């Protein structure tokens, strides 16, 4: 294994190992023998079930967790959301997808599942993410989304964890 910090191929030592993602993966905390840097790796059980994502233009592509995490990282840029929270959100959403869908899932269903969880985690990151998946045409679309979210947040029985502004 190559150290992501110093690029060394010397053996790393596992200092912590635990199940993750409901037992579908193993999270390992490692220390590099060359630079003593610490990093985390995930080992995933390869499953024969592969979801196919149906995109808006009706093209199809295999489901890729890395794309979901990349989208979340962009939405959460400079926000108080840790990398672990992003991975946990993606794993939670993915677990739901694999339970609900057998072979194909529409891209919009993935985006909505991610957005729903992201809205509870960080409202600003949610608006960033929603602006891409809902394809806001102009500022009015963005303002409408924020108003809608704010109404739900101000409602004591509604979702959210505080005021947006």
C-alpha atoms as a PDB file:
ATOM      1  CA  UNK A   1       0.000   0.000   0.000  1.00  0.00           C
ATOM      2  CA  UNK A   2       1.287   3.438  -0.949  1.00  0.00           C
ATOM      3  CA  UNK A   3       1.218   6.161   1.736  1.00  0.00           C
ATOM      4  CA  UNK A   4      -0.989   9.066   0.548  1.00  0.00           C
ATOM      5  CA  UNK A   5       1.154  11.510   2.548  1.00  0.00           C
ATOM      6  CA  UNK A   6       4.728  10.665   1.505  1.00  0.00           C
ATOM      7  CA  UNK A   7       4.112   8.220  -1.395  1.00  0.00           C
ATOM      8  CA  UNK A   8       6.267   5.580   0.295  1.00  0.00           C
ATOM      9  CA  UNK A   9       5.647   1.912  -0.468  1.00  0.00           C
ATOM     10  CA  UNK A  10       7.016   0.770   2.908  1.00  0.00           C
ATOM     11  CA  UNK A  11       4.592  -1.244   4.972  1.00  0.00           C
ATOM     12  CA  UNK A  12       2.075   0.668   7.081  1.00  0.00           C
ATOM     13  CA  UNK A  13       0.939  -0.488  10.503  1.00  0.00           C
ATOM     14  CA  UNK A  14      -2.765  -0.899  11.287  1.00  0.00           C
ATOM     15  CA  UNK A  15      -3.523   0.780  14.637  1.00  0.00           C
ATOM     16  CA  UNK A  16      -7.328   0.496  14.601  1.00  0.00           C
ATOM     17  CA  UNK A  17      -9.762  -1.621  12.640  1.00  0.00           C
ATOM     18  CA  UNK A  18     -13.547  -1.615  12.837  1.00  0.00           C
ATOM     19  CA  UNK A  19     -16.585  -2.515  10.741  1.00  0.00           C
ATOM     20  CA  UNK A  20     -18.203   0.309   8.814  1.00  0.00           C
ATOM     21  CA  UNK A  21     -21.240   0.796   6.592  1.00  0.00           C
ATOM     22  CA  UNK A  22     -23.364  -1.759   8.447  1.00  0.00           C
ATOM     23  CA  UNK A  23     -20.676  -4.426   8.146  1.00  0.00           C
ATOM     24  CA  UNK A  24     -20.218  -4.015   4.386  1.00  0.00           C
ATOM     25  CA  UNK A  25     -16.764  -2.477   4.779  1.00  0.00           C
ATOM     26  CA  UNK A  26     -13.827  -2.317   7.175  1.00  0.00           C
ATOM     27  CA  UNK A  27     -12.305   0.991   8.271  1.00  0.00           C
ATOM     28  CA  UNK A  28      -8.603   0.777   9.103  1.00  0.00           C
ATOM     29  CA  UNK A  29      -6.532   3.518  10.726  1.00  0.00           C
ATOM     30  CA  UNK A  30      -2.883   3.210   9.647  1.00  0.00           C
ATOM     31  CA  UNK A  31       0.543   4.683  10.427  1.00  0.00           C
ATOM     32  CA  UNK A  32       3.148   4.945   7.671  1.00  0.00           C
ATOM     33  CA  UNK A  33       6.491   3.326   8.563  1.00  0.00           C
ATOM     34  CA  UNK A  34       8.398   5.951   6.546  1.00  0.00           C
ATOM     35  CA  UNK A  35       6.871   9.296   7.631  1.00  0.00           C
ATOM     36  CA  UNK A  36       4.810   8.266  10.713  1.00  0.00           C
ATOM     37  CA  UNK A  37       1.787   9.936   9.095  1.00  0.00           C
ATOM     38  CA  UNK A  38      -1.658   8.613   9.930  1.00  0.00           C
ATOM     39  CA  UNK A  39      -4.338   7.875   7.354  1.00  0.00           C
ATOM     40  CA  UNK A  40      -7.545   5.880   7.013  1.00  0.00           C
ATOM     41  CA  UNK A  41      -8.333   3.194   4.473  1.00  0.00           C
ATOM     42  CA  UNK A  42     -11.614   1.441   3.731  1.00  0.00           C
ATOM     43  CA  UNK A  43     -11.941  -2.106   2.467  1.00  0.00           C
ATOM     44  CA  UNK A  44     -15.234  -2.885   0.753  1.00  0.00           C
ATOM     45  CA  UNK A  45     -16.790  -6.253   0.179  1.00  0.00           C
ATOM     46  CA  UNK A  46     -17.262  -6.668  -3.528  1.00  0.00           C
ATOM     47  CA  UNK A  47     -20.880  -7.383  -4.256  1.00  0.00           C
ATOM     48  CA  UNK A  48     -22.160  -8.937  -7.452  1.00  0.00           C
ATOM     49  CA  UNK A  49     -25.091  -6.510  -7.431  1.00  0.00           C
ATOM     50  CA  UNK A  50     -24.206  -3.442  -9.473  1.00  0.00           C
ATOM     51  CA  UNK A  51     -26.661  -0.586  -9.738  1.00  0.00           C
ATOM     52  CA  UNK A  52     -26.968   1.174 -13.058  1.00  0.00           C
ATOM     53  CA  UNK A  53     -27.692   4.909 -12.929  1.00  0.00           C
ATOM     54  CA  UNK A  54     -30.201   6.190 -15.486  1.00  0.00           C
ATOM     55  CA  UNK A  55     -29.255   9.775 -16.280  1.00  0.00           C
ATOM     56  CA  UNK A  56     -31.515  12.610 -17.410  1.00  0.00           C
ATOM     57  CA  UNK A  57     -30.662  11.994 -21.066  1.00  0.00           C
ATOM     58  CA  UNK A  58     -31.579   8.285 -20.629  1.00  0.00           C
ATOM     59  CA  UNK A  59     -27.955   7.184 -20.885  1.00  0.00           C
ATOM     60  CA  UNK A  60     -26.783   4.613 -18.362  1.00  0.00           C
ATOM     61  CA  UNK A  61     -23.628   4.289 -16.279  1.00  0.00           C
ATOM     62  CA  UNK A  62     -22.561   2.111 -13.357  1.00  0.00           C
ATOM     63  CA  UNK A  63     -23.154   3.603  -9.911  1.00  0.00           C
ATOM     64  CA  UNK A  64     -19.941   5.179  -8.603  1.00  0.00           C
ATOM     65  CA  UNK A  65     -19.638   6.143  -4.927  1.00  0.00           C
ATOM     66  CA  UNK A  66     -16.656   8.361  -5.737  1.00  0.00           C
ATOM     67  CA  UNK A  67     -18.885  10.649  -7.836  1.00  0.00           C
ATOM     68  CA  UNK A  68     -21.285  11.083  -4.926  1.00  0.00           C
ATOM     69  CA  UNK A  69     -18.444  11.865  -2.516  1.00  0.00           C
ATOM     70  CA  UNK A  70     -16.879  14.325  -4.992  1.00  0.00           C
ATOM     71  CA  UNK A  71     -20.205  16.162  -5.298  1.00  0.00           C
ATOM     72  CA  UNK A  72     -20.538  16.288  -1.517  1.00  0.00           C
ATOM     73  CA  UNK A  73     -16.984  17.572  -1.105  1.00  0.00           C
ATOM     74  CA  UNK A  74     -17.690  20.395  -3.541  1.00  0.00           C
ATOM     75  CA  UNK A  75     -20.928  21.317  -1.751  1.00  0.00           C
ATOM     76  CA  UNK A  76     -19.241  21.202   1.664  1.00  0.00           C
ATOM     77  CA  UNK A  77     -16.134  23.152   0.638  1.00  0.00           C
ATOM     78  CA  UNK A  78     -15.148  25.527   3.477  1.00  0.00           C
ATOM     79  CA  UNK A  79     -18.085  24.358   5.574  1.00  0.00           C
ATOM     80  CA  UNK A  80     -17.853  22.752   9.035  1.00  0.00           C
ATOM     81  CA  UNK A  81     -18.420  19.259   7.647  1.00  0.00           C
ATOM     82  CA  UNK A  82     -15.720  16.637   8.164  1.00  0.00           C
ATOM     83  CA  UNK A  83     -14.558  14.092   5.611  1.00  0.00           C
ATOM     84  CA  UNK A  84     -15.891  11.363   7.907  1.00  0.00           C
ATOM     85  CA  UNK A  85     -19.355  12.963   7.875  1.00  0.00           C
ATOM     86  CA  UNK A  86     -19.274  13.087   4.072  1.00  0.00           C
ATOM     87  CA  UNK A  87     -18.321   9.412   3.802  1.00  0.00           C
ATOM     88  CA  UNK A  88     -20.932   8.448   6.404  1.00  0.00           C
ATOM     89  CA  UNK A  89     -23.621  10.368   4.505  1.00  0.00           C
ATOM     90  CA  UNK A  90     -22.639   8.661   1.236  1.00  0.00           C
ATOM     91  CA  UNK A  91     -22.616   5.214   2.873  1.00  0.00           C
ATOM     92  CA  UNK A  92     -26.007   5.786   4.498  1.00  0.00           C
ATOM     93  CA  UNK A  93     -27.526   6.921   1.210  1.00  0.00           C
ATOM     94  CA  UNK A  94     -25.915   4.039  -0.687  1.00  0.00           C
ATOM     95  CA  UNK A  95     -27.241   1.471   1.770  1.00  0.00           C
ATOM     96  CA  UNK A  96     -30.762   2.823   1.222  1.00  0.00           C
ATOM     97  CA  UNK A  97     -30.307   2.680  -2.571  1.00  0.00           C
ATOM     98  CA  UNK A  98     -29.207  -0.947  -2.536  1.00  0.00           C
ATOM     99  CA  UNK A  99     -32.244  -1.840  -0.408  1.00  0.00           C
ATOM    100  CA  UNK A 100     -34.746   0.026  -2.612  1.00  0.00           C
ATOM    101  CA  UNK A 101     -33.481  -0.693  -6.126  1.00  0.00           C
ATOM    102  CA  UNK A 102     -32.519  -3.947  -7.792  1.00  0.00           C
ATOM    103  CA  UNK A 103     -30.840  -3.006 -11.048  1.00  0.00           C
ATOM    104  CA  UNK A 104     -31.480   0.565 -12.147  1.00  0.00           C
ATOM    105  CA  UNK A 105     -31.903   3.819 -10.279  1.00  0.00           C
ATOM    106  CA  UNK A 106     -32.575   7.261 -11.709  1.00  0.00           C
ATOM    107  CA  UNK A 107     -29.881   9.858 -11.079  1.00  0.00           C
ATOM    108  CA  UNK A 108     -32.486  12.224  -9.659  1.00  0.00           C
ATOM    109  CA  UNK A 109     -33.380   9.644  -6.967  1.00  0.00           C
ATOM    110  CA  UNK A 110     -29.726   9.547  -5.906  1.00  0.00           C
ATOM    111  CA  UNK A 111     -29.519  13.347  -5.889  1.00  0.00           C
ATOM    112  CA  UNK A 112     -32.685  13.668  -3.802  1.00  0.00           C
ATOM    113  CA  UNK A 113     -31.491  11.077  -1.277  1.00  0.00           C
ATOM    114  CA  UNK A 114     -28.164  12.900  -0.918  1.00  0.00           C
ATOM    115  CA  UNK A 115     -29.836  16.326  -0.692  1.00  0.00           C
ATOM    116  CA  UNK A 116     -32.274  15.144   1.985  1.00  0.00           C
ATOM    117  CA  UNK A 117     -29.410  14.041   4.229  1.00  0.00           C
ATOM    118  CA  UNK A 118     -27.250  17.044   3.402  1.00  0.00           C
ATOM    119  CA  UNK A 119     -30.050  19.464   4.331  1.00  0.00           C
ATOM    120  CA  UNK A 120     -30.016  18.052   7.868  1.00  0.00           C
ATOM    121  CA  UNK A 121     -26.227  18.191   8.062  1.00  0.00           C
ATOM    122  CA  UNK A 122     -25.491  21.684   6.673  1.00  0.00           C
ATOM    123  CA  UNK A 123     -28.022  24.023   5.095  1.00  0.00           C
ATOM    124  CA  UNK A 124     -25.523  26.079   3.081  1.00  0.00           C
ATOM    125  CA  UNK A 125     -23.977  22.928   1.620  1.00  0.00           C
ATOM    126  CA  UNK A 126     -27.505  21.751   0.822  1.00  0.00           C
ATOM    127  CA  UNK A 127     -28.263  24.928  -1.172  1.00  0.00           C
ATOM    128  CA  UNK A 128     -24.977  24.528  -3.071  1.00  0.00           C
ATOM    129  CA  UNK A 129     -25.777  20.905  -3.859  1.00  0.00           C
ATOM    130  CA  UNK A 130     -29.413  21.638  -4.757  1.00  0.00           C
ATOM    131  CA  UNK A 131     -28.368  24.400  -7.143  1.00  0.00           C
ATOM    132  CA  UNK A 132     -26.632  21.770  -9.266  1.00  0.00           C
ATOM    133  CA  UNK A 133     -29.079  18.869  -9.105  1.00  0.00           C
ATOM    134  CA  UNK A 134     -32.190  21.059  -9.390  1.00  0.00           C
ATOM    135  CA  UNK A 135     -30.525  23.024 -12.197  1.00  0.00           C
ATOM    136  CA  UNK A 136     -31.416  26.512 -11.019  1.00  0.00           C
ATOM    137  CA  UNK A 137     -31.814  28.754 -14.052  1.00  0.00           C
ATOM    138  CA  UNK A 138     -31.378  32.071 -12.273  1.00  0.00           C
ATOM    139  CA  UNK A 139     -31.226  33.824  -8.929  1.00  0.00           C
ATOM    140  CA  UNK A 140     -35.018  33.630  -8.511  1.00  0.00           C
ATOM    141  CA  UNK A 141     -34.855  29.822  -8.464  1.00  0.00           C
ATOM    142  CA  UNK A 142     -32.184  29.960  -5.764  1.00  0.00           C
ATOM    143  CA  UNK A 143     -34.183  32.470  -3.689  1.00  0.00           C
ATOM    144  CA  UNK A 144     -37.317  30.325  -3.988  1.00  0.00           C
ATOM    145  CA  UNK A 145     -35.414  27.281  -2.723  1.00  0.00           C
ATOM    146  CA  UNK A 146     -33.981  29.213   0.231  1.00  0.00           C
ATOM    147  CA  UNK A 147     -37.447  30.589   1.100  1.00  0.00           C
ATOM    148  CA  UNK A 148     -38.936  27.109   0.932  1.00  0.00           C
ATOM    149  CA  UNK A 149     -36.182  25.743   3.157  1.00  0.00           C
ATOM    150  CA  UNK A 150     -36.511  28.680   5.569  1.00  0.00           C
ATOM    151  CA  UNK A 151     -40.288  28.130   5.887  1.00  0.00           C
ATOM    152  CA  UNK A 152     -39.664  24.487   6.757  1.00  0.00           C
ATOM    153  CA  UNK A 153     -36.958  25.482   9.234  1.00  0.00           C
ATOM    154  CA  UNK A 154     -39.115  28.128  10.962  1.00  0.00           C
ATOM    155  CA  UNK A 155     -41.902  25.565  11.388  1.00  0.00           C
ATOM    156  CA  UNK A 156     -41.350  23.890  14.804  1.00  0.00           C
ATOM    157  CA  UNK A 157     -42.569  20.597  13.373  1.00  0.00           C
ATOM    158  CA  UNK A 158     -40.541  20.983  10.157  1.00  0.00           C
ATOM    159  CA  UNK A 159     -37.094  19.644   9.370  1.00  0.00           C
ATOM    160  CA  UNK A 160     -33.855  21.516   9.930  1.00  0.00           C
ATOM    161  CA  UNK A 161     -31.788  22.581  12.872  1.00  0.00           C
ATOM    162  CA  UNK A 162     -32.005  26.315  13.140  1.00  0.00           C
ATOM    163  CA  UNK A 163     -32.263  29.408  11.081  1.00  0.00           C
ATOM    164  CA  UNK A 164     -30.528  29.809   7.743  1.00  0.00           C
ATOM    165  CA  UNK A 165     -30.088  33.572   8.063  1.00  0.00           C
END
